[in-house]
Amino acid sequence: MFPLQQVSLLLILTTTLFETFANLDLAMLQLLNGNRATDLDFVLLTLTITAYGLGALVPLCLYLAGHFGRMVSLKLKAYQYVFAMGLNILFIGLLKYTIDRPRPFVTHDTIEQIAEASSPSFPSGHTAFAFTAAVVLVLMFRNPALRGLLLTWAFLVAYSRLALGVHYPSDVLGSMLLGSAAAYLATYTFRKHREQFYTLLRRGRNLRIVR
C-alpha cells in the first residue's frame, strides 16, 4: 500500500492532468466552433445527416446488387455491414447514458449550438456511424479511390460535429475508435466464418461467388 503522501500526490497529479485535458478539449472546440465559415453551416448540417443516411442506403444497395446480380458475396457484405452497425449501436447505447456527459453548449455559453442535439454528448453517434460505415467498406473493397473518398467523408462528418458545437473533440475521437472497432470486429467475424455464411446464403446454382 502506498504511503498517504504518495497517494495524495497521485490524486493531485491525476486531477491536474484531467483538468488540463478538459481545458484543452474545450479550447479546441471553441477554436473550431468559433472560427468556422458560417456560410457553410448548411453544408455541415448536410454532412451530419449523411452519417445516418448511408447507414440505411448502403446495405440495401449491396443486398439488391447481390440479389439481381446473383452474387452471394455481395449479399454477405450487406449482412456484414448491418452486423457492424448493430455492434456500433450496441456500443453507443451502452456508453451514452452510462457516462451521461452533458453537451458542450449546455455547460459552456461560449459554444454556439447549430445542430439539434438532446442526448448525452459521449459518444458522438454521427461520428461512430460514419466511421463504422467507412471502415467496414474500406475493409470490403480494395479500390484506393473509393477508400480515400470514404475516409475523407468520415473525417468531414467528425469535423461537422465539432464545428456545429454539439460535441467535444474527445467525444469525436472516442467515436472514431468505437466505430472502427465495430467495423473490424464485424469483418473479423465474417471472415473467420466465411464459408459457413456462404453456405447459408446460397439460394441455388445460379448464385455466383465473387470475392
N, C-alpha and C. Protein backbone atom coordinates (compact mmCIF):
# COMPACT_ATOMS: atom_id res chain seq x y z
N MET A 1 0.85 -1.20 0.00
CA MET A 1 0.00 0.00 0.00
C MET A 1 0.88 1.25 0.00
N PHE A 2 0.52 2.20 -0.83
CA PHE A 2 1.30 3.43 -0.92
C PHE A 2 1.13 4.24 0.37
N PRO A 3 2.20 4.92 0.80
CA PRO A 3 2.06 5.86 1.92
C PRO A 3 1.06 6.95 1.56
N LEU A 4 0.47 7.57 2.56
CA LEU A 4 -0.56 8.57 2.37
C LEU A 4 -0.08 9.73 1.50
N GLN A 5 1.17 10.15 1.67
CA GLN A 5 1.69 11.27 0.89
C GLN A 5 1.76 10.93 -0.59
N GLN A 6 2.16 9.71 -0.89
CA GLN A 6 2.25 9.29 -2.29
C GLN A 6 0.87 9.18 -2.93
N VAL A 7 -0.09 8.71 -2.17
CA VAL A 7 -1.46 8.62 -2.67
C VAL A 7 -2.01 10.02 -2.94
N SER A 8 -1.74 10.93 -2.02
CA SER A 8 -2.20 12.31 -2.19
C SER A 8 -1.57 12.95 -3.42
N LEU A 9 -0.27 12.73 -3.60
CA LEU A 9 0.43 13.27 -4.77
C LEU A 9 -0.14 12.70 -6.06
N LEU A 10 -0.44 11.41 -6.06
CA LEU A 10 -1.01 10.76 -7.24
C LEU A 10 -2.38 11.35 -7.57
N LEU A 11 -3.19 11.60 -6.55
CA LEU A 11 -4.51 12.19 -6.75
C LEU A 11 -4.40 13.61 -7.31
N ILE A 12 -3.45 14.37 -6.80
CA ILE A 12 -3.24 15.73 -7.28
C ILE A 12 -2.81 15.73 -8.75
N LEU A 13 -1.86 14.85 -9.07
CA LEU A 13 -1.39 14.75 -10.46
C LEU A 13 -2.51 14.31 -11.39
N THR A 14 -3.31 13.35 -10.96
CA THR A 14 -4.42 12.86 -11.78
C THR A 14 -5.44 13.96 -12.01
N THR A 15 -5.76 14.71 -10.95
CA THR A 15 -6.72 15.81 -11.07
C THR A 15 -6.20 16.89 -11.99
N THR A 16 -4.90 17.19 -11.88
CA THR A 16 -4.29 18.22 -12.72
C THR A 16 -4.30 17.82 -14.19
N LEU A 17 -3.96 16.56 -14.44
CA LEU A 17 -3.97 16.07 -15.81
C LEU A 17 -5.38 16.09 -16.40
N PHE A 18 -6.35 15.71 -15.59
CA PHE A 18 -7.74 15.70 -16.05
C PHE A 18 -8.21 17.11 -16.38
N GLU A 19 -7.87 18.06 -15.51
CA GLU A 19 -8.26 19.45 -15.75
C GLU A 19 -7.58 20.01 -16.99
N THR A 20 -6.31 19.67 -17.17
CA THR A 20 -5.57 20.13 -18.36
C THR A 20 -6.19 19.58 -19.63
N PHE A 21 -6.53 18.30 -19.59
CA PHE A 21 -7.16 17.67 -20.75
C PHE A 21 -8.52 18.30 -21.04
N ALA A 22 -9.30 18.55 -19.99
CA ALA A 22 -10.62 19.15 -20.16
C ALA A 22 -10.52 20.55 -20.74
N ASN A 23 -9.54 21.32 -20.27
CA ASN A 23 -9.34 22.68 -20.79
C ASN A 23 -8.92 22.66 -22.25
N LEU A 24 -8.04 21.71 -22.59
CA LEU A 24 -7.59 21.58 -23.98
C LEU A 24 -8.74 21.14 -24.87
N ASP A 25 -9.55 20.24 -24.36
CA ASP A 25 -10.72 19.74 -25.09
C ASP A 25 -11.66 20.90 -25.44
N LEU A 26 -11.93 21.74 -24.44
CA LEU A 26 -12.82 22.88 -24.65
C LEU A 26 -12.18 23.92 -25.57
N ALA A 27 -10.90 24.18 -25.40
CA ALA A 27 -10.21 25.19 -26.22
C ALA A 27 -10.23 24.80 -27.70
N MET A 28 -10.02 23.52 -27.98
CA MET A 28 -10.06 23.05 -29.37
C MET A 28 -11.46 23.20 -29.95
N LEU A 29 -12.46 22.89 -29.15
CA LEU A 29 -13.84 23.03 -29.62
C LEU A 29 -14.18 24.50 -29.89
N GLN A 30 -13.77 25.38 -28.99
CA GLN A 30 -14.03 26.81 -29.17
C GLN A 30 -13.38 27.32 -30.45
N LEU A 31 -12.19 26.83 -30.74
CA LEU A 31 -11.48 27.23 -31.94
C LEU A 31 -12.22 26.79 -33.20
N LEU A 32 -12.65 25.54 -33.22
CA LEU A 32 -13.34 25.01 -34.40
C LEU A 32 -14.75 25.56 -34.55
N ASN A 33 -15.45 25.70 -33.46
CA ASN A 33 -16.82 26.21 -33.49
C ASN A 33 -16.86 27.71 -33.76
N GLY A 34 -15.96 28.43 -33.13
CA GLY A 34 -15.98 29.89 -33.25
C GLY A 34 -15.38 30.42 -34.53
N ASN A 35 -14.51 29.63 -35.17
CA ASN A 35 -13.82 30.10 -36.38
C ASN A 35 -14.30 29.40 -37.65
N ARG A 36 -15.44 28.73 -37.58
CA ARG A 36 -15.96 28.07 -38.77
C ARG A 36 -16.45 29.12 -39.77
N ALA A 37 -16.55 28.72 -41.03
CA ALA A 37 -17.13 29.59 -42.06
C ALA A 37 -18.65 29.45 -41.96
N THR A 38 -19.30 30.43 -41.38
CA THR A 38 -20.75 30.33 -41.13
C THR A 38 -21.57 30.16 -42.41
N ASP A 39 -21.03 30.62 -43.53
CA ASP A 39 -21.74 30.45 -44.81
C ASP A 39 -21.86 28.98 -45.20
N LEU A 40 -21.03 28.14 -44.59
CA LEU A 40 -21.03 26.71 -44.92
C LEU A 40 -21.79 25.87 -43.89
N ASP A 41 -22.53 26.52 -43.00
CA ASP A 41 -23.28 25.76 -41.99
C ASP A 41 -24.24 24.77 -42.63
N PHE A 42 -24.85 25.15 -43.73
CA PHE A 42 -25.77 24.23 -44.41
C PHE A 42 -25.03 22.98 -44.90
N VAL A 43 -23.82 23.18 -45.39
CA VAL A 43 -23.01 22.04 -45.85
C VAL A 43 -22.68 21.13 -44.67
N LEU A 44 -22.34 21.72 -43.54
CA LEU A 44 -22.02 20.94 -42.34
C LEU A 44 -23.24 20.16 -41.86
N LEU A 45 -24.39 20.79 -41.89
CA LEU A 45 -25.62 20.10 -41.48
C LEU A 45 -25.96 18.95 -42.43
N THR A 46 -25.70 19.16 -43.71
CA THR A 46 -25.94 18.10 -44.70
C THR A 46 -25.00 16.93 -44.48
N LEU A 47 -23.74 17.23 -44.20
CA LEU A 47 -22.76 16.18 -43.90
C LEU A 47 -23.19 15.36 -42.70
N THR A 48 -23.67 16.04 -41.69
CA THR A 48 -24.14 15.36 -40.48
C THR A 48 -25.25 14.37 -40.80
N ILE A 49 -26.19 14.78 -41.62
CA ILE A 49 -27.33 13.92 -41.96
C ILE A 49 -26.89 12.67 -42.71
N THR A 50 -25.86 12.79 -43.55
CA THR A 50 -25.42 11.64 -44.36
C THR A 50 -24.91 10.49 -43.51
N ALA A 51 -24.47 10.78 -42.29
CA ALA A 51 -23.95 9.71 -41.43
C ALA A 51 -25.00 8.63 -41.21
N TYR A 52 -26.24 9.03 -40.97
CA TYR A 52 -27.31 8.07 -40.77
C TYR A 52 -27.93 7.61 -42.10
N GLY A 53 -27.90 8.51 -43.09
CA GLY A 53 -28.47 8.16 -44.39
C GLY A 53 -27.76 6.98 -45.04
N LEU A 54 -26.44 6.98 -44.99
CA LEU A 54 -25.69 5.88 -45.57
C LEU A 54 -25.92 4.58 -44.81
N GLY A 55 -26.19 4.71 -43.51
CA GLY A 55 -26.42 3.51 -42.71
C GLY A 55 -27.57 2.68 -43.23
N ALA A 56 -28.57 3.34 -43.79
CA ALA A 56 -29.73 2.63 -44.33
C ALA A 56 -29.58 2.31 -45.81
N LEU A 57 -28.90 3.18 -46.54
CA LEU A 57 -28.84 3.04 -48.00
C LEU A 57 -27.82 1.99 -48.46
N VAL A 58 -26.65 1.97 -47.85
CA VAL A 58 -25.57 1.10 -48.32
C VAL A 58 -25.93 -0.39 -48.24
N PRO A 59 -26.39 -0.92 -47.10
CA PRO A 59 -26.70 -2.35 -47.07
C PRO A 59 -27.81 -2.73 -48.03
N LEU A 60 -28.77 -1.82 -48.22
CA LEU A 60 -29.85 -2.09 -49.17
C LEU A 60 -29.30 -2.22 -50.58
N CYS A 61 -28.41 -1.30 -50.96
CA CYS A 61 -27.81 -1.34 -52.31
C CYS A 61 -26.97 -2.60 -52.50
N LEU A 62 -26.20 -2.96 -51.48
CA LEU A 62 -25.37 -4.17 -51.57
C LEU A 62 -26.24 -5.41 -51.73
N TYR A 63 -27.30 -5.46 -50.94
CA TYR A 63 -28.17 -6.65 -51.00
C TYR A 63 -28.87 -6.75 -52.35
N LEU A 64 -29.41 -5.63 -52.83
CA LEU A 64 -30.11 -5.65 -54.12
C LEU A 64 -29.16 -5.99 -55.26
N ALA A 65 -27.93 -5.45 -55.20
CA ALA A 65 -26.94 -5.77 -56.24
C ALA A 65 -26.61 -7.26 -56.21
N GLY A 66 -26.49 -7.82 -55.02
CA GLY A 66 -26.23 -9.25 -54.91
C GLY A 66 -27.40 -10.09 -55.35
N HIS A 67 -28.60 -9.62 -55.06
CA HIS A 67 -29.81 -10.37 -55.43
C HIS A 67 -30.00 -10.40 -56.94
N PHE A 68 -29.98 -9.23 -57.57
CA PHE A 68 -30.23 -9.16 -59.01
C PHE A 68 -29.02 -9.60 -59.83
N GLY A 69 -27.82 -9.45 -59.26
CA GLY A 69 -26.62 -9.92 -59.95
C GLY A 69 -26.28 -11.36 -59.64
N ARG A 70 -27.11 -11.98 -58.79
CA ARG A 70 -26.92 -13.38 -58.37
C ARG A 70 -25.51 -13.60 -57.82
N MET A 71 -25.08 -12.68 -56.96
CA MET A 71 -23.75 -12.78 -56.33
C MET A 71 -23.93 -12.84 -54.82
N VAL A 72 -23.76 -14.03 -54.27
CA VAL A 72 -23.97 -14.23 -52.84
C VAL A 72 -22.97 -13.43 -52.02
N SER A 73 -21.80 -13.15 -52.57
CA SER A 73 -20.78 -12.40 -51.83
C SER A 73 -21.24 -10.99 -51.50
N LEU A 74 -21.99 -10.36 -52.40
CA LEU A 74 -22.50 -9.02 -52.13
C LEU A 74 -23.59 -9.05 -51.06
N LYS A 75 -24.40 -10.10 -51.09
CA LYS A 75 -25.39 -10.27 -50.02
C LYS A 75 -24.69 -10.42 -48.67
N LEU A 76 -23.61 -11.18 -48.67
CA LEU A 76 -22.85 -11.37 -47.44
C LEU A 76 -22.27 -10.05 -46.94
N LYS A 77 -21.80 -9.22 -47.86
CA LYS A 77 -21.29 -7.90 -47.48
C LYS A 77 -22.39 -7.03 -46.86
N ALA A 78 -23.60 -7.16 -47.39
CA ALA A 78 -24.72 -6.40 -46.82
C ALA A 78 -24.97 -6.82 -45.38
N TYR A 79 -24.95 -8.12 -45.12
CA TYR A 79 -25.16 -8.61 -43.76
C TYR A 79 -24.00 -8.21 -42.85
N GLN A 80 -22.79 -8.23 -43.39
CA GLN A 80 -21.62 -7.82 -42.62
C GLN A 80 -21.73 -6.35 -42.21
N TYR A 81 -22.19 -5.53 -43.14
CA TYR A 81 -22.38 -4.10 -42.87
C TYR A 81 -23.42 -3.90 -41.77
N VAL A 82 -24.53 -4.62 -41.88
CA VAL A 82 -25.60 -4.50 -40.88
C VAL A 82 -25.11 -4.98 -39.52
N PHE A 83 -24.33 -6.04 -39.50
CA PHE A 83 -23.79 -6.55 -38.24
C PHE A 83 -22.86 -5.52 -37.59
N ALA A 84 -22.02 -4.87 -38.41
CA ALA A 84 -21.12 -3.83 -37.89
C ALA A 84 -21.92 -2.68 -37.29
N MET A 85 -22.98 -2.27 -37.99
CA MET A 85 -23.83 -1.20 -37.48
C MET A 85 -24.56 -1.62 -36.20
N GLY A 86 -24.95 -2.88 -36.13
CA GLY A 86 -25.59 -3.38 -34.91
C GLY A 86 -24.65 -3.32 -33.71
N LEU A 87 -23.39 -3.70 -33.92
CA LEU A 87 -22.40 -3.59 -32.86
C LEU A 87 -22.19 -2.14 -32.45
N ASN A 88 -22.13 -1.28 -33.45
CA ASN A 88 -21.96 0.14 -33.19
C ASN A 88 -23.10 0.71 -32.34
N ILE A 89 -24.33 0.35 -32.69
CA ILE A 89 -25.50 0.81 -31.92
C ILE A 89 -25.44 0.28 -30.49
N LEU A 90 -25.01 -0.96 -30.34
CA LEU A 90 -24.88 -1.56 -29.00
C LEU A 90 -23.86 -0.79 -28.17
N PHE A 91 -22.70 -0.50 -28.77
CA PHE A 91 -21.66 0.23 -28.05
C PHE A 91 -22.15 1.62 -27.64
N ILE A 92 -22.80 2.30 -28.59
CA ILE A 92 -23.30 3.65 -28.30
C ILE A 92 -24.34 3.62 -27.19
N GLY A 93 -25.26 2.66 -27.28
CA GLY A 93 -26.31 2.55 -26.27
C GLY A 93 -25.76 2.29 -24.88
N LEU A 94 -24.72 1.48 -24.80
CA LEU A 94 -24.13 1.16 -23.50
C LEU A 94 -23.41 2.37 -22.89
N LEU A 95 -22.79 3.19 -23.75
CA LEU A 95 -21.96 4.28 -23.25
C LEU A 95 -22.70 5.60 -23.06
N LYS A 96 -23.66 5.90 -23.93
CA LYS A 96 -24.33 7.20 -23.91
C LYS A 96 -24.86 7.57 -22.53
N TYR A 97 -25.69 6.70 -21.99
CA TYR A 97 -26.38 7.03 -20.75
C TYR A 97 -25.65 6.50 -19.51
N THR A 98 -24.61 5.69 -19.74
CA THR A 98 -23.77 5.28 -18.62
C THR A 98 -22.84 6.43 -18.22
N ILE A 99 -22.21 7.03 -19.23
CA ILE A 99 -21.31 8.16 -18.98
C ILE A 99 -22.10 9.45 -18.76
N ASP A 100 -23.16 9.64 -19.56
CA ASP A 100 -24.10 10.76 -19.41
C ASP A 100 -23.38 12.12 -19.38
N ARG A 101 -22.54 12.35 -20.34
CA ARG A 101 -21.79 13.61 -20.40
C ARG A 101 -22.66 14.71 -21.01
N PRO A 102 -22.76 15.88 -20.37
CA PRO A 102 -23.56 16.97 -20.93
C PRO A 102 -22.97 17.49 -22.24
N ARG A 103 -23.81 17.99 -23.11
CA ARG A 103 -23.35 18.61 -24.35
C ARG A 103 -22.55 19.87 -24.04
N PRO A 104 -21.58 20.21 -24.89
CA PRO A 104 -20.74 21.39 -24.61
C PRO A 104 -21.51 22.69 -24.56
N PHE A 105 -22.55 22.83 -25.38
CA PHE A 105 -23.31 24.08 -25.39
C PHE A 105 -24.20 24.22 -24.14
N VAL A 106 -24.38 23.11 -23.41
CA VAL A 106 -25.17 23.15 -22.18
C VAL A 106 -24.34 23.72 -21.03
N THR A 107 -23.08 23.32 -20.99
CA THR A 107 -22.23 23.72 -19.86
C THR A 107 -21.32 24.91 -20.16
N HIS A 108 -21.22 25.31 -21.44
CA HIS A 108 -20.35 26.43 -21.80
C HIS A 108 -21.08 27.38 -22.74
N ASP A 109 -21.32 28.59 -22.29
CA ASP A 109 -22.06 29.55 -23.12
C ASP A 109 -21.22 30.13 -24.24
N THR A 110 -19.93 29.75 -24.30
CA THR A 110 -19.07 30.20 -25.40
C THR A 110 -19.23 29.34 -26.65
N ILE A 111 -19.97 28.23 -26.52
CA ILE A 111 -20.17 27.31 -27.65
C ILE A 111 -21.52 27.59 -28.29
N GLU A 112 -21.52 27.83 -29.59
CA GLU A 112 -22.75 28.08 -30.33
C GLU A 112 -23.31 26.77 -30.87
N GLN A 113 -24.53 26.48 -30.51
CA GLN A 113 -25.20 25.26 -30.99
C GLN A 113 -25.85 25.53 -32.34
N ILE A 114 -25.45 24.77 -33.35
CA ILE A 114 -26.01 24.94 -34.70
C ILE A 114 -26.97 23.80 -35.03
N ALA A 115 -26.63 22.58 -34.62
CA ALA A 115 -27.46 21.41 -34.92
C ALA A 115 -28.29 21.02 -33.71
N GLU A 116 -29.40 20.33 -33.94
CA GLU A 116 -30.23 19.82 -32.86
C GLU A 116 -29.50 18.66 -32.17
N ALA A 117 -29.57 18.65 -30.85
CA ALA A 117 -28.94 17.56 -30.08
C ALA A 117 -29.54 17.54 -28.68
N SER A 118 -30.03 16.39 -28.26
CA SER A 118 -30.66 16.31 -26.94
C SER A 118 -30.09 15.19 -26.06
N SER A 119 -29.52 14.16 -26.67
CA SER A 119 -28.98 13.05 -25.90
C SER A 119 -27.62 13.43 -25.31
N PRO A 120 -27.06 12.61 -24.41
CA PRO A 120 -25.74 12.91 -23.86
C PRO A 120 -24.66 13.02 -24.94
N SER A 121 -23.57 13.66 -24.59
CA SER A 121 -22.56 14.04 -25.57
C SER A 121 -21.63 12.91 -26.02
N PHE A 122 -21.27 12.02 -25.07
CA PHE A 122 -20.32 10.95 -25.41
C PHE A 122 -21.03 9.61 -25.47
N PRO A 123 -20.79 8.85 -26.55
CA PRO A 123 -20.01 9.19 -27.76
C PRO A 123 -20.86 9.92 -28.79
N SER A 124 -20.21 10.39 -29.83
CA SER A 124 -20.91 11.02 -30.95
C SER A 124 -21.47 9.94 -31.86
N GLY A 125 -22.79 9.80 -31.87
CA GLY A 125 -23.41 8.77 -32.69
C GLY A 125 -23.15 8.97 -34.17
N HIS A 126 -23.22 10.23 -34.64
CA HIS A 126 -22.99 10.50 -36.06
C HIS A 126 -21.57 10.09 -36.48
N THR A 127 -20.59 10.45 -35.64
CA THR A 127 -19.20 10.11 -35.96
C THR A 127 -18.98 8.61 -35.93
N ALA A 128 -19.55 7.95 -34.92
CA ALA A 128 -19.39 6.50 -34.83
C ALA A 128 -20.03 5.80 -36.02
N PHE A 129 -21.21 6.24 -36.43
CA PHE A 129 -21.87 5.66 -37.60
C PHE A 129 -21.03 5.87 -38.86
N ALA A 130 -20.49 7.08 -39.02
CA ALA A 130 -19.70 7.39 -40.21
C ALA A 130 -18.45 6.52 -40.27
N PHE A 131 -17.77 6.35 -39.15
CA PHE A 131 -16.54 5.55 -39.16
C PHE A 131 -16.82 4.07 -39.25
N THR A 132 -17.93 3.61 -38.69
CA THR A 132 -18.31 2.21 -38.89
C THR A 132 -18.55 1.95 -40.38
N ALA A 133 -19.32 2.83 -41.00
CA ALA A 133 -19.62 2.68 -42.43
C ALA A 133 -18.35 2.74 -43.28
N ALA A 134 -17.53 3.76 -43.04
CA ALA A 134 -16.35 3.95 -43.87
C ALA A 134 -15.35 2.81 -43.71
N VAL A 135 -15.07 2.45 -42.47
CA VAL A 135 -14.04 1.42 -42.22
C VAL A 135 -14.49 0.05 -42.70
N VAL A 136 -15.76 -0.31 -42.46
CA VAL A 136 -16.20 -1.63 -42.91
C VAL A 136 -16.19 -1.71 -44.44
N LEU A 137 -16.52 -0.62 -45.13
CA LEU A 137 -16.48 -0.63 -46.59
C LEU A 137 -15.04 -0.62 -47.11
N VAL A 138 -14.17 0.07 -46.41
CA VAL A 138 -12.74 0.06 -46.78
C VAL A 138 -12.18 -1.36 -46.67
N LEU A 139 -12.62 -2.09 -45.65
CA LEU A 139 -12.16 -3.46 -45.46
C LEU A 139 -12.79 -4.43 -46.47
N MET A 140 -13.93 -4.05 -47.01
CA MET A 140 -14.61 -4.90 -48.00
C MET A 140 -14.05 -4.73 -49.41
N PHE A 141 -13.75 -3.49 -49.78
CA PHE A 141 -13.37 -3.18 -51.16
C PHE A 141 -11.95 -2.60 -51.22
N ARG A 142 -11.22 -2.95 -52.26
CA ARG A 142 -9.81 -2.60 -52.35
C ARG A 142 -9.52 -1.38 -53.22
N ASN A 143 -10.56 -0.78 -53.79
CA ASN A 143 -10.35 0.36 -54.68
C ASN A 143 -9.78 1.55 -53.89
N PRO A 144 -8.57 2.01 -54.24
CA PRO A 144 -7.93 3.11 -53.48
C PRO A 144 -8.75 4.40 -53.50
N ALA A 145 -9.33 4.73 -54.66
CA ALA A 145 -10.11 5.97 -54.76
C ALA A 145 -11.34 5.90 -53.86
N LEU A 146 -12.01 4.75 -53.86
CA LEU A 146 -13.19 4.57 -53.02
C LEU A 146 -12.81 4.66 -51.55
N ARG A 147 -11.70 4.03 -51.19
CA ARG A 147 -11.25 4.07 -49.81
C ARG A 147 -10.95 5.50 -49.37
N GLY A 148 -10.26 6.24 -50.21
CA GLY A 148 -9.93 7.63 -49.89
C GLY A 148 -11.17 8.49 -49.74
N LEU A 149 -12.13 8.28 -50.61
CA LEU A 149 -13.38 9.04 -50.57
C LEU A 149 -14.16 8.74 -49.28
N LEU A 150 -14.23 7.47 -48.92
CA LEU A 150 -14.97 7.07 -47.73
C LEU A 150 -14.35 7.64 -46.46
N LEU A 151 -13.03 7.55 -46.35
CA LEU A 151 -12.36 8.05 -45.15
C LEU A 151 -12.43 9.57 -45.06
N THR A 152 -12.32 10.23 -46.21
CA THR A 152 -12.46 11.70 -46.23
C THR A 152 -13.84 12.10 -45.75
N TRP A 153 -14.86 11.40 -46.24
CA TRP A 153 -16.23 11.68 -45.83
C TRP A 153 -16.39 11.48 -44.32
N ALA A 154 -15.84 10.40 -43.79
CA ALA A 154 -15.99 10.12 -42.35
C ALA A 154 -15.33 11.21 -41.51
N PHE A 155 -14.14 11.66 -41.92
CA PHE A 155 -13.46 12.72 -41.17
C PHE A 155 -14.23 14.04 -41.27
N LEU A 156 -14.86 14.29 -42.41
CA LEU A 156 -15.65 15.52 -42.56
C LEU A 156 -16.89 15.48 -41.67
N VAL A 157 -17.51 14.31 -41.55
CA VAL A 157 -18.64 14.18 -40.63
C VAL A 157 -18.19 14.46 -39.20
N ALA A 158 -17.03 13.90 -38.83
CA ALA A 158 -16.49 14.13 -37.49
C ALA A 158 -16.24 15.62 -37.26
N TYR A 159 -15.65 16.28 -38.24
CA TYR A 159 -15.40 17.71 -38.14
C TYR A 159 -16.70 18.50 -38.00
N SER A 160 -17.73 18.08 -38.73
CA SER A 160 -19.00 18.80 -38.69
C SER A 160 -19.60 18.79 -37.30
N ARG A 161 -19.43 17.71 -36.55
CA ARG A 161 -19.98 17.63 -35.20
C ARG A 161 -19.31 18.63 -34.26
N LEU A 162 -18.05 18.92 -34.53
CA LEU A 162 -17.32 19.90 -33.73
C LEU A 162 -17.69 21.32 -34.14
N ALA A 163 -17.66 21.57 -35.43
CA ALA A 163 -17.96 22.91 -35.93
C ALA A 163 -19.39 23.33 -35.59
N LEU A 164 -20.30 22.36 -35.54
CA LEU A 164 -21.69 22.66 -35.20
C LEU A 164 -21.92 22.82 -33.70
N GLY A 165 -20.88 22.57 -32.92
CA GLY A 165 -20.93 22.83 -31.49
C GLY A 165 -21.66 21.81 -30.64
N VAL A 166 -21.82 20.59 -31.14
CA VAL A 166 -22.62 19.61 -30.40
C VAL A 166 -21.79 18.50 -29.75
N HIS A 167 -20.48 18.51 -29.96
CA HIS A 167 -19.61 17.51 -29.34
C HIS A 167 -18.24 18.09 -29.02
N TYR A 168 -17.62 17.53 -28.00
CA TYR A 168 -16.23 17.83 -27.69
C TYR A 168 -15.31 17.02 -28.61
N PRO A 169 -14.08 17.47 -28.84
CA PRO A 169 -13.13 16.67 -29.62
C PRO A 169 -12.93 15.26 -29.05
N SER A 170 -12.94 15.13 -27.72
CA SER A 170 -12.77 13.81 -27.11
C SER A 170 -13.95 12.90 -27.42
N ASP A 171 -15.16 13.48 -27.54
CA ASP A 171 -16.33 12.68 -27.96
C ASP A 171 -16.10 12.10 -29.35
N VAL A 172 -15.62 12.96 -30.23
CA VAL A 172 -15.44 12.58 -31.62
C VAL A 172 -14.31 11.56 -31.77
N LEU A 173 -13.19 11.81 -31.07
CA LEU A 173 -12.07 10.87 -31.14
C LEU A 173 -12.47 9.50 -30.61
N GLY A 174 -13.17 9.48 -29.48
CA GLY A 174 -13.63 8.20 -28.94
C GLY A 174 -14.57 7.49 -29.89
N SER A 175 -15.39 8.25 -30.58
CA SER A 175 -16.35 7.67 -31.52
C SER A 175 -15.68 7.12 -32.77
N MET A 176 -14.60 7.77 -33.20
CA MET A 176 -13.81 7.24 -34.32
C MET A 176 -13.30 5.84 -33.98
N LEU A 177 -12.77 5.71 -32.77
CA LEU A 177 -12.24 4.41 -32.32
C LEU A 177 -13.36 3.40 -32.15
N LEU A 178 -14.48 3.86 -31.61
CA LEU A 178 -15.63 2.99 -31.38
C LEU A 178 -16.18 2.44 -32.70
N GLY A 179 -16.40 3.34 -33.67
CA GLY A 179 -16.92 2.92 -34.96
C GLY A 179 -15.96 2.00 -35.70
N SER A 180 -14.68 2.32 -35.62
CA SER A 180 -13.67 1.48 -36.28
C SER A 180 -13.62 0.10 -35.65
N ALA A 181 -13.73 0.06 -34.31
CA ALA A 181 -13.71 -1.23 -33.61
C ALA A 181 -14.89 -2.10 -34.03
N ALA A 182 -16.07 -1.50 -34.15
CA ALA A 182 -17.25 -2.25 -34.59
C ALA A 182 -17.04 -2.81 -36.00
N ALA A 183 -16.45 -2.00 -36.88
CA ALA A 183 -16.20 -2.44 -38.25
C ALA A 183 -15.19 -3.58 -38.30
N TYR A 184 -14.11 -3.47 -37.53
CA TYR A 184 -13.08 -4.52 -37.52
C TYR A 184 -13.61 -5.81 -36.89
N LEU A 185 -14.40 -5.69 -35.84
CA LEU A 185 -14.94 -6.88 -35.19
C LEU A 185 -15.91 -7.61 -36.12
N ALA A 186 -16.76 -6.86 -36.81
CA ALA A 186 -17.68 -7.47 -37.76
C ALA A 186 -16.93 -8.15 -38.91
N THR A 187 -15.91 -7.47 -39.42
CA THR A 187 -15.13 -8.03 -40.53
C THR A 187 -14.40 -9.29 -40.10
N TYR A 188 -13.82 -9.28 -38.91
CA TYR A 188 -13.13 -10.46 -38.39
C TYR A 188 -14.10 -11.63 -38.27
N THR A 189 -15.28 -11.37 -37.73
CA THR A 189 -16.27 -12.44 -37.54
C THR A 189 -16.70 -13.04 -38.87
N PHE A 190 -16.97 -12.19 -39.85
CA PHE A 190 -17.46 -12.69 -41.13
C PHE A 190 -16.35 -13.38 -41.93
N ARG A 191 -15.12 -12.90 -41.78
CA ARG A 191 -14.02 -13.57 -42.49
C ARG A 191 -13.71 -14.92 -41.86
N LYS A 192 -13.79 -15.00 -40.55
CA LYS A 192 -13.50 -16.26 -39.85
C LYS A 192 -14.52 -17.34 -40.19
N HIS A 193 -15.77 -16.94 -40.38
CA HIS A 193 -16.84 -17.91 -40.65
C HIS A 193 -17.39 -17.74 -42.06
N ARG A 194 -16.53 -17.33 -42.98
CA ARG A 194 -16.97 -17.01 -44.34
C ARG A 194 -17.69 -18.17 -45.02
N GLU A 195 -17.09 -19.33 -44.98
CA GLU A 195 -17.66 -20.47 -45.70
C GLU A 195 -19.02 -20.88 -45.13
N GLN A 196 -19.15 -20.81 -43.80
CA GLN A 196 -20.45 -21.13 -43.19
C GLN A 196 -21.52 -20.14 -43.64
N PHE A 197 -21.14 -18.86 -43.70
CA PHE A 197 -22.10 -17.85 -44.15
C PHE A 197 -22.46 -18.05 -45.62
N TYR A 198 -21.46 -18.38 -46.44
CA TYR A 198 -21.74 -18.64 -47.86
C TYR A 198 -22.73 -19.79 -48.02
N THR A 199 -22.53 -20.83 -47.23
CA THR A 199 -23.42 -21.98 -47.31
C THR A 199 -24.86 -21.60 -46.97
N LEU A 200 -25.00 -20.76 -45.95
CA LEU A 200 -26.34 -20.33 -45.53
C LEU A 200 -27.00 -19.42 -46.55
N LEU A 201 -26.20 -18.63 -47.27
CA LEU A 201 -26.76 -17.63 -48.17
C LEU A 201 -26.99 -18.11 -49.60
N ARG A 202 -26.42 -19.26 -49.96
CA ARG A 202 -26.63 -19.75 -51.32
C ARG A 202 -28.10 -20.09 -51.52
N ARG A 203 -28.62 -19.69 -52.65
CA ARG A 203 -30.03 -19.95 -52.95
C ARG A 203 -30.19 -20.61 -54.32
N GLY A 204 -29.32 -21.52 -54.62
CA GLY A 204 -29.42 -22.21 -55.91
C GLY A 204 -28.12 -22.12 -56.68
N ARG A 205 -28.02 -22.87 -57.75
CA ARG A 205 -26.80 -22.96 -58.54
C ARG A 205 -26.50 -21.69 -59.32
N ASN A 206 -27.47 -20.82 -59.51
CA ASN A 206 -27.26 -19.62 -60.30
C ASN A 206 -26.56 -18.51 -59.54
N LEU A 207 -26.38 -18.67 -58.24
CA LEU A 207 -25.68 -17.66 -57.47
C LEU A 207 -24.17 -17.79 -57.68
N ARG A 208 -23.52 -16.70 -57.97
CA ARG A 208 -22.08 -16.70 -58.21
C ARG A 208 -21.36 -16.12 -56.99
N ILE A 209 -20.27 -16.71 -56.59
CA ILE A 209 -19.46 -16.19 -55.51
C ILE A 209 -18.34 -15.37 -56.14
N VAL A 210 -18.41 -14.07 -55.98
CA VAL A 210 -17.38 -13.17 -56.49
C VAL A 210 -16.71 -12.51 -55.31
N ARG A 211 -15.47 -12.82 -55.09
CA ARG A 211 -14.76 -12.32 -53.92
C ARG A 211 -14.03 -11.03 -54.26
